[in-house]
Amino acid sequence: MSIDIALFEALRGLVADRVYPDLAPDDASRPYITYQQVGGDAVNFVESTIPAKKNARMQINVWADTRIQATAMGGAVEDALRSLIALQPSVLGAAIATYDDETKLRGTMQDFSLWI
């Protein structure tokens, strides 16, 4: 399973399938979730073997009309990702509140370490 499919499946129920890689469409209904890979830990073995799993540091962003809605949705995202035992999730810090001047949306950003 790819990281995109795993994230979509884990988060789709929170926002009625409005989970998008990188950017949401301009006409996306709110709230919605975007995500992008922002790095990860490389796995290297002395024997030069290929690892069975790869690590991805994923930034998950929630966008909503109000701060209260964005904060609540961000908490729901964290809870949903913590339950993905097969991906060995680690929360890499608390959510960061953000605001987008262009769209006038409130958001949260939070990074997670996932293995796939």
N, C-alpha and C. Protein backbone atom coordinates (compact mmCIF):
# COMPACT_ATOMS: atom_id res chain seq x y z
N MET A 1 0.85 -1.18 0.00
CA MET A 1 0.00 0.00 0.00
C MET A 1 0.90 1.24 0.00
N SER A 2 0.55 2.22 -0.79
CA SER A 2 1.33 3.46 -0.84
C SER A 2 0.95 4.37 0.33
N ILE A 3 1.83 5.31 0.63
CA ILE A 3 1.56 6.26 1.71
C ILE A 3 0.33 7.12 1.38
N ASP A 4 0.14 7.43 0.08
CA ASP A 4 -1.02 8.23 -0.32
C ASP A 4 -2.33 7.50 -0.02
N ILE A 5 -2.38 6.23 -0.37
CA ILE A 5 -3.59 5.44 -0.12
C ILE A 5 -3.82 5.28 1.38
N ALA A 6 -2.76 5.02 2.12
CA ALA A 6 -2.89 4.84 3.57
C ALA A 6 -3.43 6.11 4.24
N LEU A 7 -2.90 7.27 3.86
CA LEU A 7 -3.38 8.52 4.46
C LEU A 7 -4.82 8.82 4.05
N PHE A 8 -5.11 8.64 2.77
CA PHE A 8 -6.48 8.89 2.32
C PHE A 8 -7.47 8.02 3.08
N GLU A 9 -7.17 6.72 3.19
CA GLU A 9 -8.07 5.81 3.88
C GLU A 9 -8.22 6.17 5.36
N ALA A 10 -7.13 6.60 6.00
CA ALA A 10 -7.18 6.92 7.43
C ALA A 10 -7.94 8.21 7.71
N LEU A 11 -7.90 9.17 6.77
CA LEU A 11 -8.42 10.51 7.05
C LEU A 11 -9.72 10.85 6.32
N ARG A 12 -10.09 10.09 5.34
CA ARG A 12 -11.23 10.44 4.49
C ARG A 12 -12.54 10.60 5.26
N GLY A 13 -12.75 9.79 6.27
CA GLY A 13 -13.99 9.87 7.05
C GLY A 13 -14.12 11.14 7.86
N LEU A 14 -13.01 11.81 8.12
CA LEU A 14 -13.05 13.04 8.91
C LEU A 14 -13.59 14.22 8.11
N VAL A 15 -13.41 14.16 6.77
CA VAL A 15 -13.75 15.32 5.93
C VAL A 15 -14.48 14.91 4.65
N ALA A 16 -15.26 13.85 4.70
CA ALA A 16 -16.06 13.40 3.55
C ALA A 16 -15.22 13.28 2.27
N ASP A 17 -14.10 12.58 2.37
CA ASP A 17 -13.20 12.31 1.24
C ASP A 17 -12.39 13.51 0.75
N ARG A 18 -12.44 14.64 1.44
CA ARG A 18 -11.69 15.84 0.99
C ARG A 18 -10.27 15.82 1.56
N VAL A 19 -9.48 14.86 1.08
CA VAL A 19 -8.08 14.69 1.47
C VAL A 19 -7.27 14.77 0.19
N TYR A 20 -6.33 15.73 0.13
CA TYR A 20 -5.62 16.01 -1.11
C TYR A 20 -4.10 16.01 -0.90
N PRO A 21 -3.35 15.42 -1.85
CA PRO A 21 -1.89 15.56 -1.79
C PRO A 21 -1.49 16.97 -2.22
N ASP A 22 -0.59 17.57 -1.49
CA ASP A 22 -0.01 18.88 -1.79
C ASP A 22 -0.99 20.04 -1.66
N LEU A 23 -1.91 20.20 -2.61
CA LEU A 23 -2.84 21.33 -2.61
C LEU A 23 -4.26 20.86 -2.88
N ALA A 24 -5.22 21.56 -2.31
CA ALA A 24 -6.62 21.26 -2.59
C ALA A 24 -7.05 22.04 -3.84
N PRO A 25 -8.05 21.54 -4.54
CA PRO A 25 -8.59 22.32 -5.66
C PRO A 25 -9.14 23.67 -5.16
N ASP A 26 -9.15 24.65 -6.02
CA ASP A 26 -9.63 25.99 -5.64
C ASP A 26 -11.06 25.98 -5.12
N ASP A 27 -11.88 25.07 -5.61
CA ASP A 27 -13.29 25.04 -5.21
C ASP A 27 -13.60 23.99 -4.15
N ALA A 28 -12.58 23.52 -3.44
CA ALA A 28 -12.79 22.48 -2.43
C ALA A 28 -13.68 22.99 -1.29
N SER A 29 -14.65 22.17 -0.92
CA SER A 29 -15.49 22.49 0.24
C SER A 29 -14.65 22.35 1.50
N ARG A 30 -15.02 23.08 2.52
CA ARG A 30 -14.29 23.05 3.78
C ARG A 30 -15.12 22.35 4.86
N PRO A 31 -14.45 21.76 5.82
CA PRO A 31 -13.00 21.65 6.00
C PRO A 31 -12.41 20.60 5.05
N TYR A 32 -11.10 20.71 4.85
CA TYR A 32 -10.40 19.70 4.07
C TYR A 32 -8.99 19.52 4.62
N ILE A 33 -8.36 18.45 4.16
CA ILE A 33 -7.02 18.08 4.62
C ILE A 33 -6.10 18.02 3.42
N THR A 34 -4.90 18.56 3.57
CA THR A 34 -3.84 18.37 2.58
C THR A 34 -2.66 17.72 3.28
N TYR A 35 -1.82 17.07 2.50
CA TYR A 35 -0.63 16.45 3.07
C TYR A 35 0.50 16.47 2.05
N GLN A 36 1.70 16.42 2.56
CA GLN A 36 2.87 16.30 1.70
C GLN A 36 4.00 15.65 2.46
N GLN A 37 4.83 14.94 1.73
CA GLN A 37 6.02 14.35 2.35
C GLN A 37 7.07 15.44 2.44
N VAL A 38 7.61 15.63 3.64
CA VAL A 38 8.61 16.68 3.88
C VAL A 38 9.92 16.09 4.37
N GLY A 39 10.20 14.88 3.94
CA GLY A 39 11.44 14.21 4.32
C GLY A 39 11.17 12.84 4.89
N GLY A 40 12.08 12.41 5.73
CA GLY A 40 11.98 11.09 6.34
C GLY A 40 13.37 10.62 6.72
N ASP A 41 13.43 9.50 7.40
CA ASP A 41 14.71 8.92 7.79
C ASP A 41 15.12 7.87 6.78
N ALA A 42 16.32 8.02 6.24
CA ALA A 42 16.85 7.02 5.31
C ALA A 42 17.33 5.81 6.11
N VAL A 43 17.09 4.63 5.57
CA VAL A 43 17.54 3.39 6.19
C VAL A 43 18.65 2.83 5.32
N ASN A 44 19.82 2.64 5.91
CA ASN A 44 20.97 2.10 5.18
C ASN A 44 21.56 0.95 5.99
N PHE A 45 21.84 -0.15 5.32
CA PHE A 45 22.45 -1.30 5.94
C PHE A 45 23.87 -1.46 5.43
N VAL A 46 24.77 -1.90 6.29
CA VAL A 46 26.17 -2.14 5.91
C VAL A 46 26.24 -3.16 4.78
N GLU A 47 25.34 -4.13 4.78
CA GLU A 47 25.35 -5.18 3.76
C GLU A 47 24.81 -4.71 2.41
N SER A 48 24.38 -3.45 2.32
CA SER A 48 23.80 -2.87 1.10
C SER A 48 22.50 -3.57 0.67
N THR A 49 21.78 -4.13 1.64
CA THR A 49 20.49 -4.73 1.32
C THR A 49 19.41 -3.65 1.28
N ILE A 50 18.34 -3.96 0.62
CA ILE A 50 17.22 -3.02 0.49
C ILE A 50 16.30 -3.20 1.68
N PRO A 51 15.96 -2.13 2.38
CA PRO A 51 15.08 -2.26 3.55
C PRO A 51 13.66 -2.66 3.14
N ALA A 52 13.00 -3.37 4.03
CA ALA A 52 11.63 -3.81 3.78
C ALA A 52 10.64 -2.64 3.87
N LYS A 53 10.97 -1.63 4.65
CA LYS A 53 10.09 -0.47 4.81
C LYS A 53 10.88 0.82 4.60
N LYS A 54 10.16 1.87 4.24
CA LYS A 54 10.75 3.19 4.11
C LYS A 54 10.02 4.15 5.03
N ASN A 55 10.74 5.15 5.50
CA ASN A 55 10.16 6.13 6.41
C ASN A 55 9.75 7.38 5.64
N ALA A 56 8.64 7.95 6.05
CA ALA A 56 8.17 9.20 5.46
C ALA A 56 7.80 10.16 6.58
N ARG A 57 8.36 11.35 6.52
CA ARG A 57 7.92 12.43 7.41
C ARG A 57 6.83 13.16 6.64
N MET A 58 5.61 13.09 7.17
CA MET A 58 4.46 13.67 6.48
C MET A 58 3.93 14.87 7.25
N GLN A 59 3.73 15.96 6.53
CA GLN A 59 3.07 17.13 7.12
C GLN A 59 1.60 17.05 6.73
N ILE A 60 0.75 17.06 7.74
CA ILE A 60 -0.69 17.01 7.53
C ILE A 60 -1.25 18.38 7.88
N ASN A 61 -2.02 18.95 6.96
CA ASN A 61 -2.59 20.29 7.14
C ASN A 61 -4.11 20.19 7.12
N VAL A 62 -4.76 20.83 8.05
CA VAL A 62 -6.22 20.92 8.09
C VAL A 62 -6.59 22.36 7.80
N TRP A 63 -7.58 22.55 6.94
CA TRP A 63 -8.05 23.90 6.59
C TRP A 63 -9.54 24.01 6.84
N ALA A 64 -9.95 25.09 7.53
CA ALA A 64 -11.36 25.29 7.89
C ALA A 64 -11.67 26.77 7.95
N ASP A 65 -12.96 27.08 8.11
CA ASP A 65 -13.39 28.48 8.17
C ASP A 65 -13.11 29.14 9.51
N THR A 66 -13.07 28.34 10.59
CA THR A 66 -12.87 28.92 11.92
C THR A 66 -11.70 28.25 12.63
N ARG A 67 -11.11 28.96 13.58
CA ARG A 67 -10.02 28.41 14.38
C ARG A 67 -10.51 27.21 15.19
N ILE A 68 -11.70 27.31 15.77
CA ILE A 68 -12.22 26.21 16.58
C ILE A 68 -12.36 24.95 15.73
N GLN A 69 -12.90 25.08 14.53
CA GLN A 69 -13.06 23.93 13.65
C GLN A 69 -11.71 23.36 13.22
N ALA A 70 -10.76 24.21 12.88
CA ALA A 70 -9.43 23.75 12.45
C ALA A 70 -8.72 23.02 13.59
N THR A 71 -8.80 23.55 14.80
CA THR A 71 -8.15 22.91 15.95
C THR A 71 -8.77 21.55 16.26
N ALA A 72 -10.10 21.49 16.22
CA ALA A 72 -10.79 20.22 16.48
C ALA A 72 -10.44 19.18 15.42
N MET A 73 -10.43 19.59 14.17
CA MET A 73 -10.09 18.66 13.09
C MET A 73 -8.64 18.21 13.19
N GLY A 74 -7.74 19.13 13.57
CA GLY A 74 -6.34 18.75 13.75
C GLY A 74 -6.18 17.69 14.82
N GLY A 75 -6.93 17.81 15.91
CA GLY A 75 -6.90 16.79 16.96
C GLY A 75 -7.43 15.45 16.47
N ALA A 76 -8.47 15.50 15.65
CA ALA A 76 -9.04 14.26 15.10
C ALA A 76 -8.05 13.59 14.14
N VAL A 77 -7.30 14.39 13.38
CA VAL A 77 -6.27 13.84 12.49
C VAL A 77 -5.20 13.14 13.31
N GLU A 78 -4.73 13.79 14.38
CA GLU A 78 -3.71 13.16 15.22
C GLU A 78 -4.20 11.84 15.80
N ASP A 79 -5.42 11.82 16.29
CA ASP A 79 -5.99 10.58 16.85
C ASP A 79 -6.08 9.49 15.78
N ALA A 80 -6.52 9.85 14.59
CA ALA A 80 -6.65 8.87 13.52
C ALA A 80 -5.30 8.29 13.11
N LEU A 81 -4.28 9.14 13.01
CA LEU A 81 -2.97 8.65 12.60
C LEU A 81 -2.31 7.82 13.69
N ARG A 82 -2.53 8.16 14.95
CA ARG A 82 -1.97 7.35 16.05
C ARG A 82 -2.51 5.92 16.03
N SER A 83 -3.70 5.74 15.47
CA SER A 83 -4.31 4.41 15.46
C SER A 83 -3.82 3.54 14.29
N LEU A 84 -3.01 4.06 13.42
CA LEU A 84 -2.50 3.29 12.27
C LEU A 84 -1.29 2.46 12.68
N ILE A 85 -1.49 1.46 13.48
CA ILE A 85 -0.41 0.67 14.05
C ILE A 85 0.51 0.10 12.98
N ALA A 86 -0.04 -0.32 11.84
CA ALA A 86 0.77 -0.92 10.78
C ALA A 86 1.81 0.06 10.22
N LEU A 87 1.56 1.36 10.35
CA LEU A 87 2.50 2.37 9.84
C LEU A 87 3.47 2.86 10.91
N GLN A 88 3.42 2.28 12.09
CA GLN A 88 4.30 2.66 13.20
C GLN A 88 4.38 4.19 13.35
N PRO A 89 3.25 4.85 13.58
CA PRO A 89 3.23 6.30 13.60
C PRO A 89 3.94 6.89 14.82
N SER A 90 4.59 8.01 14.59
CA SER A 90 5.15 8.83 15.67
C SER A 90 4.73 10.26 15.40
N VAL A 91 4.25 10.92 16.44
CA VAL A 91 3.91 12.34 16.33
C VAL A 91 5.20 13.11 16.55
N LEU A 92 5.55 13.98 15.61
CA LEU A 92 6.83 14.68 15.66
C LEU A 92 6.70 16.12 16.17
N GLY A 93 5.73 16.38 16.97
CA GLY A 93 5.55 17.71 17.55
C GLY A 93 4.08 18.07 17.58
N ALA A 94 3.79 19.07 18.35
CA ALA A 94 2.40 19.54 18.47
C ALA A 94 1.98 20.27 17.20
N ALA A 95 0.69 20.38 17.02
CA ALA A 95 0.14 21.10 15.87
C ALA A 95 0.49 22.59 15.95
N ILE A 96 0.68 23.18 14.79
CA ILE A 96 0.95 24.61 14.67
C ILE A 96 -0.27 25.26 14.04
N ALA A 97 -0.78 26.31 14.66
CA ALA A 97 -1.91 27.05 14.11
C ALA A 97 -1.40 27.96 13.00
N THR A 98 -2.18 28.07 11.93
CA THR A 98 -1.78 28.93 10.82
C THR A 98 -3.01 29.61 10.23
N TYR A 99 -2.74 30.63 9.41
CA TYR A 99 -3.80 31.39 8.74
C TYR A 99 -3.31 31.71 7.34
N ASP A 100 -4.18 31.52 6.34
CA ASP A 100 -3.83 31.83 4.97
C ASP A 100 -4.51 33.12 4.54
N ASP A 101 -3.72 34.16 4.28
CA ASP A 101 -4.26 35.47 3.90
C ASP A 101 -5.08 35.42 2.61
N GLU A 102 -4.61 34.65 1.66
CA GLU A 102 -5.28 34.61 0.35
C GLU A 102 -6.67 34.00 0.43
N THR A 103 -6.79 32.86 1.13
CA THR A 103 -8.08 32.15 1.20
C THR A 103 -8.89 32.54 2.43
N LYS A 104 -8.26 33.19 3.39
CA LYS A 104 -8.90 33.56 4.67
C LYS A 104 -9.27 32.34 5.51
N LEU A 105 -8.53 31.23 5.30
CA LEU A 105 -8.79 30.00 6.04
C LEU A 105 -7.87 29.87 7.24
N ARG A 106 -8.39 29.25 8.29
CA ARG A 106 -7.59 28.89 9.46
C ARG A 106 -7.12 27.46 9.27
N GLY A 107 -5.95 27.14 9.81
CA GLY A 107 -5.45 25.80 9.63
C GLY A 107 -4.58 25.33 10.78
N THR A 108 -4.25 24.05 10.72
CA THR A 108 -3.23 23.48 11.59
C THR A 108 -2.27 22.70 10.71
N MET A 109 -1.02 22.64 11.14
CA MET A 109 0.01 21.85 10.47
C MET A 109 0.67 20.99 11.53
N GLN A 110 0.89 19.72 11.20
CA GLN A 110 1.53 18.83 12.15
C GLN A 110 2.29 17.76 11.38
N ASP A 111 3.48 17.40 11.88
CA ASP A 111 4.31 16.40 11.23
C ASP A 111 4.22 15.06 11.96
N PHE A 112 4.26 14.00 11.14
CA PHE A 112 4.19 12.63 11.63
C PHE A 112 5.24 11.80 10.92
N SER A 113 5.80 10.84 11.62
CA SER A 113 6.72 9.87 11.03
C SER A 113 5.93 8.59 10.81
N LEU A 114 5.94 8.10 9.56
CA LEU A 114 5.21 6.88 9.21
C LEU A 114 6.15 5.94 8.47
N TRP A 115 5.96 4.64 8.65
CA TRP A 115 6.75 3.62 7.96
C TRP A 115 5.85 2.85 7.03
N ILE A 116 6.29 2.71 5.80
CA ILE A 116 5.48 1.99 4.82
C ILE A 116 6.35 1.07 4.00
